[in-house]
Amino acid sequence: MKKLLIIAIVLFGMSPLLKAQMLNLNYQISVPLGDLSDFTDKASFRGMDIEYHKFMTDRFSMGLAVGWNVFYQDENHATGNFHFKGNDNLYTMTGNQYRYVNTVPIMAIGRYFLTDGTSAVQPFLGLGAGARWTEKRLEVGQYSSTLSRWQFTFAPEVGMLVPFNDQIGLNVAARYSYGTKASHGRIPEFQSVTFSVGLVFMGNNNNSNE
């Protein structure tokens, strides 16, 4: 939390220099779907992302987002399949399981704003595409099975920007994320719905006509 506060202070100090640009710092809650929910069906309350956006026109922006989400589930007396390093055999073990999925998406994002920069509420539609690093870990007692791979990912989103003044505002968004299978299917398709809320640091007239 201290690191995030330091980042926010630095970004706020930079905001006068960000004309036609925005920096977002978001807290995220993610709900797993599909194959991901078969492994861990609990919502993740440990998530964040940092986004940079530059307006190409008065209503269209391009940017980059880097995030981090952790999914966790505790299963009592469950059965799981394990691969051990240096051995291609598959072992089945039963016991108390601890399941983790760590994922770091890195995406280019395009956004179209439905109103101009003079509106009190500025809704937008967006689409992100890129890659995500995903680590899937299963622990039973002293044994663990870990797989980590890169996945191609894309993420449509809908949200709104609520400016407080010319330099700072509120971002609220919902994003559906999809990642392709990896490691011959041992890392499943990644699907989740992520809800974001955070601060936006921007230059004057970030998406209004000059």
N, C-alpha and C. Protein backbone atom coordinates (compact mmCIF):
# COMPACT_ATOMS: atom_id res chain seq x y z
N MET A 1 0.82 -1.20 0.00
CA MET A 1 0.00 0.00 0.00
C MET A 1 0.86 1.26 0.00
N LYS A 2 1.98 1.24 0.73
CA LYS A 2 2.87 2.40 0.77
C LYS A 2 3.43 2.68 -0.62
N LYS A 3 3.80 1.63 -1.36
CA LYS A 3 4.33 1.81 -2.71
C LYS A 3 3.29 2.46 -3.62
N LEU A 4 2.03 2.00 -3.51
CA LEU A 4 0.97 2.57 -4.34
C LEU A 4 0.76 4.03 -4.01
N LEU A 5 0.86 4.40 -2.73
CA LEU A 5 0.70 5.79 -2.33
C LEU A 5 1.82 6.64 -2.92
N ILE A 6 3.05 6.13 -2.91
CA ILE A 6 4.18 6.86 -3.48
C ILE A 6 3.97 7.07 -4.98
N ILE A 7 3.51 6.00 -5.67
CA ILE A 7 3.24 6.12 -7.10
C ILE A 7 2.18 7.18 -7.37
N ALA A 8 1.11 7.17 -6.56
CA ALA A 8 0.03 8.13 -6.75
C ALA A 8 0.53 9.56 -6.57
N ILE A 9 1.37 9.79 -5.57
CA ILE A 9 1.91 11.13 -5.32
C ILE A 9 2.78 11.59 -6.50
N VAL A 10 3.61 10.68 -7.01
CA VAL A 10 4.47 11.01 -8.15
C VAL A 10 3.63 11.34 -9.37
N LEU A 11 2.60 10.52 -9.64
CA LEU A 11 1.75 10.75 -10.80
C LEU A 11 1.00 12.07 -10.67
N PHE A 12 0.53 12.38 -9.47
CA PHE A 12 -0.17 13.64 -9.26
C PHE A 12 0.75 14.82 -9.55
N GLY A 13 2.01 14.70 -9.14
CA GLY A 13 2.96 15.76 -9.40
C GLY A 13 3.25 15.94 -10.88
N MET A 14 3.13 14.87 -11.66
CA MET A 14 3.40 14.94 -13.09
C MET A 14 2.21 15.43 -13.89
N SER A 15 1.02 15.44 -13.30
CA SER A 15 -0.20 15.67 -14.07
C SER A 15 -0.22 16.98 -14.88
N PRO A 16 0.36 18.09 -14.42
CA PRO A 16 0.35 19.29 -15.26
C PRO A 16 1.12 19.11 -16.56
N LEU A 17 2.00 18.11 -16.64
CA LEU A 17 2.81 17.91 -17.84
C LEU A 17 2.13 16.98 -18.83
N LEU A 18 0.93 16.50 -18.51
CA LEU A 18 0.32 15.42 -19.29
C LEU A 18 -0.80 15.92 -20.19
N LYS A 19 -0.61 16.99 -20.87
CA LYS A 19 -1.64 17.52 -21.74
C LYS A 19 -1.98 16.48 -22.80
N ALA A 20 -3.30 16.22 -22.98
CA ALA A 20 -3.81 15.20 -23.92
C ALA A 20 -3.37 13.80 -23.53
N GLN A 21 -3.00 13.60 -22.27
CA GLN A 21 -2.57 12.29 -21.80
C GLN A 21 -3.21 12.01 -20.44
N MET A 22 -3.26 10.72 -20.09
CA MET A 22 -3.80 10.32 -18.80
C MET A 22 -2.97 9.18 -18.21
N LEU A 23 -2.87 9.16 -16.89
CA LEU A 23 -2.31 8.05 -16.15
C LEU A 23 -3.36 7.56 -15.17
N ASN A 24 -3.66 6.26 -15.21
CA ASN A 24 -4.67 5.67 -14.33
C ASN A 24 -4.00 4.73 -13.34
N LEU A 25 -4.44 4.80 -12.09
CA LEU A 25 -4.01 3.86 -11.06
C LEU A 25 -5.27 3.24 -10.48
N ASN A 26 -5.50 1.93 -10.76
CA ASN A 26 -6.78 1.28 -10.45
C ASN A 26 -6.63 0.13 -9.47
N TYR A 27 -7.60 0.02 -8.56
CA TYR A 27 -7.80 -1.18 -7.76
C TYR A 27 -8.81 -2.07 -8.48
N GLN A 28 -8.61 -3.40 -8.43
CA GLN A 28 -9.45 -4.29 -9.21
C GLN A 28 -9.97 -5.47 -8.39
N ILE A 29 -11.21 -5.86 -8.69
CA ILE A 29 -11.82 -7.10 -8.20
C ILE A 29 -12.17 -7.93 -9.42
N SER A 30 -11.72 -9.20 -9.44
CA SER A 30 -11.93 -10.05 -10.61
C SER A 30 -12.73 -11.30 -10.24
N VAL A 31 -13.65 -11.67 -11.12
CA VAL A 31 -14.47 -12.87 -10.94
C VAL A 31 -14.05 -13.89 -12.00
N PRO A 32 -13.58 -15.10 -11.61
CA PRO A 32 -13.13 -16.09 -12.59
C PRO A 32 -14.31 -16.73 -13.32
N LEU A 33 -14.07 -17.09 -14.58
CA LEU A 33 -15.08 -17.74 -15.41
C LEU A 33 -14.48 -18.97 -16.09
N GLY A 34 -15.33 -19.86 -16.61
CA GLY A 34 -14.88 -20.97 -17.43
C GLY A 34 -13.92 -21.90 -16.74
N ASP A 35 -12.86 -22.31 -17.47
CA ASP A 35 -11.87 -23.24 -16.94
C ASP A 35 -11.16 -22.68 -15.71
N LEU A 36 -10.97 -21.38 -15.68
CA LEU A 36 -10.32 -20.76 -14.51
C LEU A 36 -11.15 -20.98 -13.25
N SER A 37 -12.47 -20.85 -13.37
CA SER A 37 -13.33 -21.04 -12.19
C SER A 37 -13.40 -22.50 -11.76
N ASP A 38 -13.09 -23.44 -12.68
CA ASP A 38 -13.01 -24.84 -12.29
C ASP A 38 -11.83 -25.10 -11.35
N PHE A 39 -10.78 -24.30 -11.51
CA PHE A 39 -9.59 -24.45 -10.67
C PHE A 39 -9.70 -23.62 -9.39
N THR A 40 -10.16 -22.39 -9.53
CA THR A 40 -10.39 -21.53 -8.36
C THR A 40 -11.59 -20.66 -8.65
N ASP A 41 -12.69 -20.90 -7.92
CA ASP A 41 -13.94 -20.20 -8.23
C ASP A 41 -14.20 -19.02 -7.31
N LYS A 42 -13.23 -18.61 -6.52
CA LYS A 42 -13.39 -17.48 -5.63
C LYS A 42 -13.00 -16.18 -6.33
N ALA A 43 -13.77 -15.13 -6.05
CA ALA A 43 -13.41 -13.82 -6.60
C ALA A 43 -12.09 -13.35 -6.03
N SER A 44 -11.31 -12.66 -6.85
CA SER A 44 -10.03 -12.12 -6.42
C SER A 44 -10.20 -10.66 -5.99
N PHE A 45 -9.79 -10.38 -4.75
CA PHE A 45 -9.80 -9.01 -4.24
C PHE A 45 -8.38 -8.43 -4.20
N ARG A 46 -7.44 -9.14 -4.80
CA ARG A 46 -6.05 -8.68 -4.85
C ARG A 46 -5.69 -8.40 -6.30
N GLY A 47 -5.93 -7.18 -6.72
CA GLY A 47 -5.64 -6.82 -8.10
C GLY A 47 -5.44 -5.33 -8.27
N MET A 48 -4.67 -4.96 -9.27
CA MET A 48 -4.42 -3.56 -9.60
C MET A 48 -3.92 -3.47 -11.02
N ASP A 49 -4.01 -2.29 -11.60
CA ASP A 49 -3.29 -2.04 -12.84
C ASP A 49 -2.93 -0.56 -12.94
N ILE A 50 -1.93 -0.30 -13.77
CA ILE A 50 -1.49 1.05 -14.08
C ILE A 50 -1.63 1.23 -15.58
N GLU A 51 -2.26 2.32 -16.00
CA GLU A 51 -2.53 2.55 -17.41
C GLU A 51 -2.03 3.93 -17.84
N TYR A 52 -1.54 3.98 -19.08
CA TYR A 52 -1.17 5.25 -19.71
C TYR A 52 -2.00 5.38 -20.98
N HIS A 53 -2.61 6.55 -21.18
CA HIS A 53 -3.42 6.79 -22.37
C HIS A 53 -3.04 8.14 -22.99
N LYS A 54 -3.00 8.17 -24.31
CA LYS A 54 -2.76 9.42 -25.03
C LYS A 54 -3.89 9.61 -26.04
N PHE A 55 -4.46 10.80 -26.06
CA PHE A 55 -5.56 11.08 -26.97
C PHE A 55 -5.01 11.36 -28.37
N MET A 56 -5.48 10.58 -29.34
CA MET A 56 -5.10 10.77 -30.74
C MET A 56 -6.04 11.76 -31.42
N THR A 57 -7.32 11.75 -30.99
CA THR A 57 -8.31 12.75 -31.41
C THR A 57 -9.02 13.20 -30.14
N ASP A 58 -10.06 14.03 -30.30
CA ASP A 58 -10.75 14.52 -29.10
C ASP A 58 -11.53 13.42 -28.40
N ARG A 59 -11.78 12.26 -29.08
CA ARG A 59 -12.57 11.20 -28.45
C ARG A 59 -11.90 9.83 -28.46
N PHE A 60 -10.79 9.70 -29.13
CA PHE A 60 -10.14 8.38 -29.24
C PHE A 60 -8.74 8.43 -28.63
N SER A 61 -8.45 7.44 -27.77
CA SER A 61 -7.13 7.37 -27.14
C SER A 61 -6.50 6.01 -27.37
N MET A 62 -5.18 5.97 -27.33
CA MET A 62 -4.41 4.73 -27.36
C MET A 62 -3.53 4.70 -26.12
N GLY A 63 -3.31 3.49 -25.61
CA GLY A 63 -2.51 3.42 -24.39
C GLY A 63 -1.97 2.05 -24.09
N LEU A 64 -1.40 1.92 -22.91
CA LEU A 64 -0.79 0.68 -22.46
C LEU A 64 -1.21 0.44 -21.02
N ALA A 65 -1.55 -0.84 -20.69
CA ALA A 65 -1.94 -1.20 -19.33
C ALA A 65 -1.11 -2.38 -18.86
N VAL A 66 -0.65 -2.31 -17.62
CA VAL A 66 0.06 -3.41 -16.97
C VAL A 66 -0.65 -3.69 -15.65
N GLY A 67 -1.06 -4.94 -15.42
CA GLY A 67 -1.82 -5.27 -14.23
C GLY A 67 -1.27 -6.47 -13.48
N TRP A 68 -1.94 -6.78 -12.39
CA TRP A 68 -1.58 -7.95 -11.57
C TRP A 68 -2.81 -8.39 -10.79
N ASN A 69 -3.16 -9.68 -10.90
CA ASN A 69 -4.29 -10.25 -10.18
C ASN A 69 -3.90 -11.59 -9.58
N VAL A 70 -4.40 -11.87 -8.38
CA VAL A 70 -4.13 -13.13 -7.69
C VAL A 70 -5.46 -13.80 -7.36
N PHE A 71 -5.60 -15.06 -7.79
CA PHE A 71 -6.76 -15.88 -7.43
C PHE A 71 -6.29 -16.97 -6.47
N TYR A 72 -7.12 -17.26 -5.46
CA TYR A 72 -6.73 -18.23 -4.44
C TYR A 72 -7.95 -19.02 -3.98
N GLN A 73 -7.73 -20.33 -3.74
CA GLN A 73 -8.80 -21.15 -3.18
C GLN A 73 -8.21 -22.27 -2.33
N ASP A 74 -8.85 -22.55 -1.22
CA ASP A 74 -8.45 -23.62 -0.30
C ASP A 74 -9.47 -24.75 -0.43
N GLU A 75 -9.00 -25.95 -0.82
CA GLU A 75 -9.87 -27.11 -0.97
C GLU A 75 -9.50 -28.16 0.08
N ASN A 76 -10.45 -28.57 0.88
CA ASN A 76 -10.21 -29.58 1.90
C ASN A 76 -10.36 -30.99 1.34
N HIS A 77 -9.33 -31.81 1.55
CA HIS A 77 -9.35 -33.23 1.17
C HIS A 77 -9.81 -33.42 -0.28
N ALA A 78 -9.08 -32.83 -1.19
CA ALA A 78 -9.39 -32.93 -2.61
C ALA A 78 -8.29 -33.70 -3.33
N THR A 79 -8.60 -34.15 -4.53
CA THR A 79 -7.65 -34.92 -5.34
C THR A 79 -7.15 -34.06 -6.49
N GLY A 80 -5.83 -34.09 -6.70
CA GLY A 80 -5.24 -33.31 -7.78
C GLY A 80 -4.16 -34.07 -8.52
N ASN A 81 -3.88 -33.62 -9.75
CA ASN A 81 -2.84 -34.24 -10.58
C ASN A 81 -1.58 -33.38 -10.55
N PHE A 82 -0.44 -34.05 -10.39
CA PHE A 82 0.83 -33.36 -10.22
C PHE A 82 1.85 -33.81 -11.27
N HIS A 83 2.60 -32.82 -11.79
CA HIS A 83 3.81 -33.07 -12.57
C HIS A 83 4.99 -32.60 -11.74
N PHE A 84 6.02 -33.41 -11.63
CA PHE A 84 7.22 -33.04 -10.89
C PHE A 84 8.35 -32.73 -11.87
N LYS A 85 9.19 -31.77 -11.51
CA LYS A 85 10.28 -31.34 -12.37
C LYS A 85 11.21 -32.50 -12.68
N GLY A 86 11.55 -32.64 -13.97
CA GLY A 86 12.44 -33.71 -14.39
C GLY A 86 11.75 -35.05 -14.59
N ASN A 87 10.42 -35.05 -14.51
CA ASN A 87 9.67 -36.29 -14.64
C ASN A 87 8.39 -35.99 -15.41
N ASP A 88 8.15 -36.73 -16.50
CA ASP A 88 6.97 -36.49 -17.32
C ASP A 88 5.74 -37.24 -16.84
N ASN A 89 5.88 -38.04 -15.81
CA ASN A 89 4.74 -38.81 -15.30
C ASN A 89 3.74 -37.89 -14.59
N LEU A 90 2.50 -38.32 -14.59
CA LEU A 90 1.43 -37.60 -13.90
C LEU A 90 1.05 -38.37 -12.63
N TYR A 91 1.11 -37.67 -11.49
CA TYR A 91 0.81 -38.32 -10.21
C TYR A 91 -0.48 -37.74 -9.64
N THR A 92 -1.32 -38.61 -9.10
CA THR A 92 -2.57 -38.21 -8.48
C THR A 92 -2.43 -38.31 -6.96
N MET A 93 -2.73 -37.20 -6.26
CA MET A 93 -2.59 -37.16 -4.82
C MET A 93 -3.84 -36.55 -4.19
N THR A 94 -4.16 -37.01 -2.97
CA THR A 94 -5.33 -36.52 -2.25
C THR A 94 -4.90 -35.89 -0.94
N GLY A 95 -5.46 -34.74 -0.61
CA GLY A 95 -5.14 -34.03 0.63
C GLY A 95 -5.72 -32.64 0.59
N ASN A 96 -5.39 -31.81 1.58
CA ASN A 96 -5.82 -30.41 1.58
C ASN A 96 -5.06 -29.66 0.50
N GLN A 97 -5.78 -29.02 -0.39
CA GLN A 97 -5.18 -28.34 -1.53
C GLN A 97 -5.24 -26.82 -1.36
N TYR A 98 -4.17 -26.18 -1.83
CA TYR A 98 -4.12 -24.72 -1.90
C TYR A 98 -3.85 -24.36 -3.35
N ARG A 99 -4.78 -23.65 -3.94
CA ARG A 99 -4.72 -23.36 -5.37
C ARG A 99 -4.49 -21.86 -5.58
N TYR A 100 -3.54 -21.55 -6.45
CA TYR A 100 -3.20 -20.15 -6.73
C TYR A 100 -3.11 -19.95 -8.24
N VAL A 101 -3.57 -18.79 -8.70
CA VAL A 101 -3.32 -18.33 -10.06
C VAL A 101 -2.86 -16.88 -9.97
N ASN A 102 -1.63 -16.61 -10.39
CA ASN A 102 -1.10 -15.26 -10.51
C ASN A 102 -1.06 -14.89 -11.97
N THR A 103 -1.52 -13.72 -12.32
CA THR A 103 -1.51 -13.33 -13.72
C THR A 103 -1.13 -11.87 -13.86
N VAL A 104 -0.31 -11.57 -14.87
CA VAL A 104 0.17 -10.22 -15.14
C VAL A 104 -0.14 -9.89 -16.60
N PRO A 105 -1.24 -9.19 -16.89
CA PRO A 105 -1.54 -8.81 -18.27
C PRO A 105 -0.79 -7.55 -18.68
N ILE A 106 -0.32 -7.55 -19.93
CA ILE A 106 0.34 -6.39 -20.53
C ILE A 106 -0.34 -6.16 -21.87
N MET A 107 -1.10 -5.08 -21.98
CA MET A 107 -1.93 -4.89 -23.16
C MET A 107 -1.85 -3.47 -23.71
N ALA A 108 -1.96 -3.38 -25.04
CA ALA A 108 -2.26 -2.11 -25.69
C ALA A 108 -3.77 -1.93 -25.67
N ILE A 109 -4.22 -0.69 -25.40
CA ILE A 109 -5.66 -0.44 -25.25
C ILE A 109 -6.07 0.76 -26.10
N GLY A 110 -7.15 0.57 -26.85
CA GLY A 110 -7.78 1.67 -27.56
C GLY A 110 -9.12 1.98 -26.92
N ARG A 111 -9.44 3.25 -26.74
CA ARG A 111 -10.70 3.65 -26.14
C ARG A 111 -11.38 4.72 -26.98
N TYR A 112 -12.70 4.58 -27.08
CA TYR A 112 -13.51 5.61 -27.74
C TYR A 112 -14.46 6.20 -26.72
N PHE A 113 -14.39 7.53 -26.52
CA PHE A 113 -15.23 8.23 -25.57
C PHE A 113 -16.51 8.70 -26.27
N LEU A 114 -17.64 8.46 -25.63
CA LEU A 114 -18.93 8.77 -26.23
C LEU A 114 -19.31 10.24 -26.09
N THR A 115 -18.59 10.98 -25.24
CA THR A 115 -18.81 12.42 -25.11
C THR A 115 -17.46 13.13 -25.18
N ASP A 116 -17.49 14.45 -25.28
CA ASP A 116 -16.23 15.18 -25.33
C ASP A 116 -15.74 15.51 -23.93
N GLY A 117 -14.60 16.18 -23.86
CA GLY A 117 -13.94 16.43 -22.58
C GLY A 117 -14.61 17.47 -21.72
N THR A 118 -15.70 18.09 -22.18
CA THR A 118 -16.40 19.08 -21.36
C THR A 118 -17.50 18.45 -20.52
N SER A 119 -17.80 17.17 -20.73
CA SER A 119 -18.90 16.52 -20.03
C SER A 119 -18.51 16.16 -18.60
N ALA A 120 -19.48 16.21 -17.69
CA ALA A 120 -19.22 15.86 -16.29
C ALA A 120 -18.97 14.37 -16.12
N VAL A 121 -19.60 13.56 -16.97
CA VAL A 121 -19.38 12.11 -17.00
C VAL A 121 -19.05 11.73 -18.43
N GLN A 122 -17.94 11.00 -18.63
CA GLN A 122 -17.46 10.68 -19.97
C GLN A 122 -17.38 9.16 -20.15
N PRO A 123 -18.47 8.51 -20.62
CA PRO A 123 -18.45 7.07 -20.83
C PRO A 123 -17.56 6.69 -22.00
N PHE A 124 -17.01 5.47 -21.95
CA PHE A 124 -16.14 5.01 -23.04
C PHE A 124 -16.31 3.52 -23.27
N LEU A 125 -15.93 3.11 -24.49
CA LEU A 125 -15.81 1.71 -24.87
C LEU A 125 -14.35 1.47 -25.22
N GLY A 126 -13.83 0.31 -24.83
CA GLY A 126 -12.41 0.04 -25.09
C GLY A 126 -12.15 -1.39 -25.48
N LEU A 127 -10.98 -1.61 -26.04
CA LEU A 127 -10.53 -2.95 -26.39
C LEU A 127 -9.03 -3.04 -26.18
N GLY A 128 -8.60 -4.03 -25.41
CA GLY A 128 -7.19 -4.27 -25.16
C GLY A 128 -6.74 -5.57 -25.78
N ALA A 129 -5.48 -5.65 -26.19
CA ALA A 129 -4.90 -6.87 -26.75
C ALA A 129 -3.42 -6.91 -26.42
N GLY A 130 -2.92 -8.11 -26.13
CA GLY A 130 -1.51 -8.25 -25.80
C GLY A 130 -1.21 -9.63 -25.28
N ALA A 131 -0.45 -9.69 -24.18
CA ALA A 131 -0.04 -10.97 -23.60
C ALA A 131 -0.22 -10.90 -22.09
N ARG A 132 -0.38 -12.07 -21.48
CA ARG A 132 -0.42 -12.15 -20.02
C ARG A 132 0.45 -13.31 -19.57
N TRP A 133 1.25 -13.05 -18.54
CA TRP A 133 2.02 -14.10 -17.89
C TRP A 133 1.15 -14.69 -16.80
N THR A 134 0.96 -16.01 -16.84
CA THR A 134 0.09 -16.69 -15.88
C THR A 134 0.85 -17.81 -15.19
N GLU A 135 0.78 -17.83 -13.87
CA GLU A 135 1.36 -18.92 -13.09
C GLU A 135 0.23 -19.64 -12.35
N LYS A 136 0.15 -20.95 -12.58
CA LYS A 136 -0.85 -21.80 -11.93
C LYS A 136 -0.11 -22.72 -10.95
N ARG A 137 -0.50 -22.66 -9.66
CA ARG A 137 0.20 -23.46 -8.65
C ARG A 137 -0.81 -24.23 -7.80
N LEU A 138 -0.49 -25.52 -7.59
CA LEU A 138 -1.32 -26.39 -6.77
C LEU A 138 -0.44 -27.01 -5.70
N GLU A 139 -0.83 -26.85 -4.43
CA GLU A 139 -0.04 -27.36 -3.30
C GLU A 139 -0.86 -28.39 -2.52
N VAL A 140 -0.23 -29.52 -2.21
CA VAL A 140 -0.81 -30.54 -1.33
C VAL A 140 0.28 -30.92 -0.33
N GLY A 141 0.13 -30.49 0.93
CA GLY A 141 1.16 -30.77 1.92
C GLY A 141 2.48 -30.16 1.52
N GLN A 142 3.54 -30.99 1.53
CA GLN A 142 4.87 -30.50 1.17
C GLN A 142 5.12 -30.53 -0.33
N TYR A 143 4.17 -31.01 -1.11
CA TYR A 143 4.33 -31.13 -2.55
C TYR A 143 3.61 -29.99 -3.26
N SER A 144 4.16 -29.61 -4.38
CA SER A 144 3.53 -28.55 -5.18
C SER A 144 3.77 -28.80 -6.66
N SER A 145 2.85 -28.31 -7.45
CA SER A 145 2.95 -28.37 -8.91
C SER A 145 2.75 -26.96 -9.44
N THR A 146 3.74 -26.45 -10.19
CA THR A 146 3.69 -25.08 -10.69
C THR A 146 3.93 -25.06 -12.19
N LEU A 147 3.08 -24.34 -12.90
CA LEU A 147 3.23 -24.11 -14.33
C LEU A 147 3.10 -22.62 -14.59
N SER A 148 3.94 -22.07 -15.45
CA SER A 148 3.85 -20.66 -15.80
C SER A 148 4.15 -20.50 -17.29
N ARG A 149 3.31 -19.74 -17.96
CA ARG A 149 3.44 -19.53 -19.39
C ARG A 149 2.88 -18.16 -19.77
N TRP A 150 3.26 -17.70 -20.98
CA TRP A 150 2.65 -16.53 -21.58
C TRP A 150 1.43 -16.96 -22.38
N GLN A 151 0.38 -16.14 -22.34
CA GLN A 151 -0.84 -16.38 -23.08
C GLN A 151 -1.19 -15.14 -23.90
N PHE A 152 -1.67 -15.36 -25.14
CA PHE A 152 -2.25 -14.23 -25.88
C PHE A 152 -3.55 -13.85 -25.20
N THR A 153 -3.82 -12.54 -25.08
CA THR A 153 -5.00 -12.10 -24.36
C THR A 153 -5.65 -10.91 -25.05
N PHE A 154 -6.96 -10.83 -24.93
CA PHE A 154 -7.67 -9.62 -25.35
C PHE A 154 -8.76 -9.31 -24.33
N ALA A 155 -9.23 -8.05 -24.31
CA ALA A 155 -10.12 -7.63 -23.24
C ALA A 155 -10.98 -6.45 -23.67
N PRO A 156 -12.24 -6.68 -24.07
CA PRO A 156 -13.15 -5.55 -24.27
C PRO A 156 -13.59 -4.97 -22.93
N GLU A 157 -13.90 -3.69 -22.92
CA GLU A 157 -14.26 -3.03 -21.66
C GLU A 157 -15.28 -1.93 -21.90
N VAL A 158 -15.97 -1.57 -20.83
CA VAL A 158 -16.88 -0.43 -20.82
C VAL A 158 -16.66 0.31 -19.51
N GLY A 159 -16.71 1.63 -19.56
CA GLY A 159 -16.45 2.37 -18.33
C GLY A 159 -16.79 3.83 -18.47
N MET A 160 -16.37 4.59 -17.47
CA MET A 160 -16.59 6.03 -17.51
C MET A 160 -15.51 6.76 -16.74
N LEU A 161 -15.22 7.96 -17.21
CA LEU A 161 -14.30 8.88 -16.55
C LEU A 161 -15.11 10.02 -15.95
N VAL A 162 -14.88 10.31 -14.67
CA VAL A 162 -15.57 11.40 -14.00
C VAL A 162 -14.52 12.41 -13.53
N PRO A 163 -14.29 13.49 -14.27
CA PRO A 163 -13.28 14.46 -13.85
C PRO A 163 -13.72 15.25 -12.62
N PHE A 164 -12.80 15.40 -11.66
CA PHE A 164 -13.04 16.29 -10.53
C PHE A 164 -12.62 17.71 -10.86
N ASN A 165 -11.54 17.83 -11.62
CA ASN A 165 -11.05 19.11 -12.11
C ASN A 165 -10.20 18.81 -13.34
N ASP A 166 -9.35 19.75 -13.77
CA ASP A 166 -8.55 19.56 -14.98
C ASP A 166 -7.41 18.57 -14.82
N GLN A 167 -7.10 18.19 -13.58
CA GLN A 167 -5.91 17.38 -13.35
C GLN A 167 -6.17 16.01 -12.75
N ILE A 168 -7.33 15.79 -12.16
CA ILE A 168 -7.58 14.52 -11.49
C ILE A 168 -9.05 14.14 -11.64
N GLY A 169 -9.31 12.82 -11.71
CA GLY A 169 -10.67 12.34 -11.85
C GLY A 169 -10.79 10.91 -11.36
N LEU A 170 -11.96 10.35 -11.57
CA LEU A 170 -12.27 8.99 -11.14
C LEU A 170 -12.51 8.12 -12.36
N ASN A 171 -11.94 6.91 -12.36
CA ASN A 171 -12.16 5.94 -13.43
C ASN A 171 -12.93 4.75 -12.86
N VAL A 172 -14.03 4.37 -13.53
CA VAL A 172 -14.81 3.18 -13.16
C VAL A 172 -15.02 2.37 -14.43
N ALA A 173 -14.69 1.06 -14.39
CA ALA A 173 -14.77 0.26 -15.61
C ALA A 173 -15.03 -1.20 -15.28
N ALA A 174 -15.56 -1.91 -16.28
CA ALA A 174 -15.73 -3.36 -16.21
C ALA A 174 -15.08 -3.94 -17.47
N ARG A 175 -14.30 -5.00 -17.30
CA ARG A 175 -13.52 -5.56 -18.41
C ARG A 175 -13.65 -7.08 -18.43
N TYR A 176 -13.97 -7.62 -19.61
CA TYR A 176 -13.94 -9.07 -19.80
C TYR A 176 -12.59 -9.45 -20.38
N SER A 177 -11.88 -10.37 -19.74
CA SER A 177 -10.54 -10.77 -20.19
C SER A 177 -10.55 -12.23 -20.64
N TYR A 178 -9.86 -12.47 -21.75
CA TYR A 178 -9.72 -13.83 -22.28
C TYR A 178 -8.26 -14.09 -22.62
N GLY A 179 -7.75 -15.23 -22.18
CA GLY A 179 -6.39 -15.65 -22.53
C GLY A 179 -6.42 -17.06 -23.10
N THR A 180 -5.64 -17.30 -24.14
CA THR A 180 -5.63 -18.60 -24.80
C THR A 180 -4.97 -19.68 -23.92
N LYS A 181 -5.26 -20.95 -24.22
CA LYS A 181 -4.63 -22.05 -23.50
C LYS A 181 -3.11 -22.03 -23.73
N ALA A 182 -2.37 -22.59 -22.76
CA ALA A 182 -0.91 -22.67 -22.88
C ALA A 182 -0.43 -23.97 -22.24
N SER A 183 0.82 -24.32 -22.52
CA SER A 183 1.43 -25.54 -21.98
C SER A 183 0.58 -26.76 -22.29
N HIS A 184 0.19 -26.87 -23.59
CA HIS A 184 -0.61 -28.01 -24.07
C HIS A 184 -1.89 -28.19 -23.26
N GLY A 185 -2.50 -27.07 -22.87
CA GLY A 185 -3.76 -27.12 -22.17
C GLY A 185 -3.66 -27.24 -20.67
N ARG A 186 -2.44 -27.44 -20.12
CA ARG A 186 -2.31 -27.57 -18.66
C ARG A 186 -2.52 -26.22 -17.97
N ILE A 187 -2.25 -25.12 -18.68
CA ILE A 187 -2.74 -23.81 -18.24
C ILE A 187 -3.98 -23.53 -19.06
N PRO A 188 -5.16 -23.49 -18.43
CA PRO A 188 -6.42 -23.42 -19.18
C PRO A 188 -6.65 -22.05 -19.78
N GLU A 189 -7.69 -21.96 -20.59
CA GLU A 189 -8.13 -20.65 -21.06
C GLU A 189 -8.39 -19.75 -19.85
N PHE A 190 -7.93 -18.53 -19.95
CA PHE A 190 -8.13 -17.57 -18.87
C PHE A 190 -9.35 -16.72 -19.22
N GLN A 191 -10.35 -16.74 -18.35
CA GLN A 191 -11.52 -15.88 -18.52
C GLN A 191 -11.90 -15.27 -17.18
N SER A 192 -12.14 -13.99 -17.20
CA SER A 192 -12.58 -13.31 -15.97
C SER A 192 -13.31 -12.03 -16.34
N VAL A 193 -14.10 -11.55 -15.39
CA VAL A 193 -14.69 -10.22 -15.47
C VAL A 193 -14.06 -9.40 -14.35
N THR A 194 -13.47 -8.27 -14.71
CA THR A 194 -12.75 -7.44 -13.75
C THR A 194 -13.43 -6.09 -13.60
N PHE A 195 -13.64 -5.69 -12.36
CA PHE A 195 -14.23 -4.38 -12.05
C PHE A 195 -13.12 -3.49 -11.48
N SER A 196 -12.94 -2.33 -12.09
CA SER A 196 -11.86 -1.41 -11.72
C SER A 196 -12.42 -0.10 -11.21
N VAL A 197 -11.75 0.46 -10.23
CA VAL A 197 -12.03 1.82 -9.77
C VAL A 197 -10.70 2.44 -9.37
N GLY A 198 -10.49 3.68 -9.78
CA GLY A 198 -9.20 4.28 -9.46
C GLY A 198 -9.13 5.75 -9.83
N LEU A 199 -7.96 6.30 -9.60
CA LEU A 199 -7.70 7.71 -9.87
C LEU A 199 -7.12 7.89 -11.27
N VAL A 200 -7.48 9.00 -11.89
CA VAL A 200 -6.97 9.38 -13.20
C VAL A 200 -6.22 10.70 -13.05
N PHE A 201 -4.98 10.71 -13.49
CA PHE A 201 -4.16 11.93 -13.47
C PHE A 201 -4.01 12.41 -14.91
N MET A 202 -4.38 13.64 -15.19
CA MET A 202 -4.47 14.09 -16.58
C MET A 202 -4.02 15.53 -16.72
N GLY A 203 -3.70 15.86 -17.97
CA GLY A 203 -3.36 17.24 -18.28
C GLY A 203 -4.61 18.04 -18.55
N ASN A 204 -4.46 19.34 -18.71
CA ASN A 204 -5.62 20.20 -18.97
C ASN A 204 -6.26 19.84 -20.28
N ASN A 205 -7.61 19.85 -20.28
CA ASN A 205 -8.36 19.59 -21.51
C ASN A 205 -7.92 18.29 -22.16
N ASN A 206 -7.94 17.19 -21.37
CA ASN A 206 -7.36 15.94 -21.84
C ASN A 206 -7.98 15.41 -23.10
N ASN A 207 -9.30 15.57 -23.29
CA ASN A 207 -9.86 15.09 -24.55
C ASN A 207 -10.90 16.05 -25.10
N SER A 208 -10.55 17.33 -25.03
CA SER A 208 -11.38 18.34 -25.64
C SER A 208 -10.65 18.95 -26.82
N ASN A 209 -11.38 19.60 -27.70
CA ASN A 209 -10.76 20.19 -28.86
C ASN A 209 -9.88 21.36 -28.45
N GLU A 210 -8.77 21.51 -29.18
CA GLU A 210 -7.87 22.64 -28.92
C GLU A 210 -8.51 23.94 -29.39
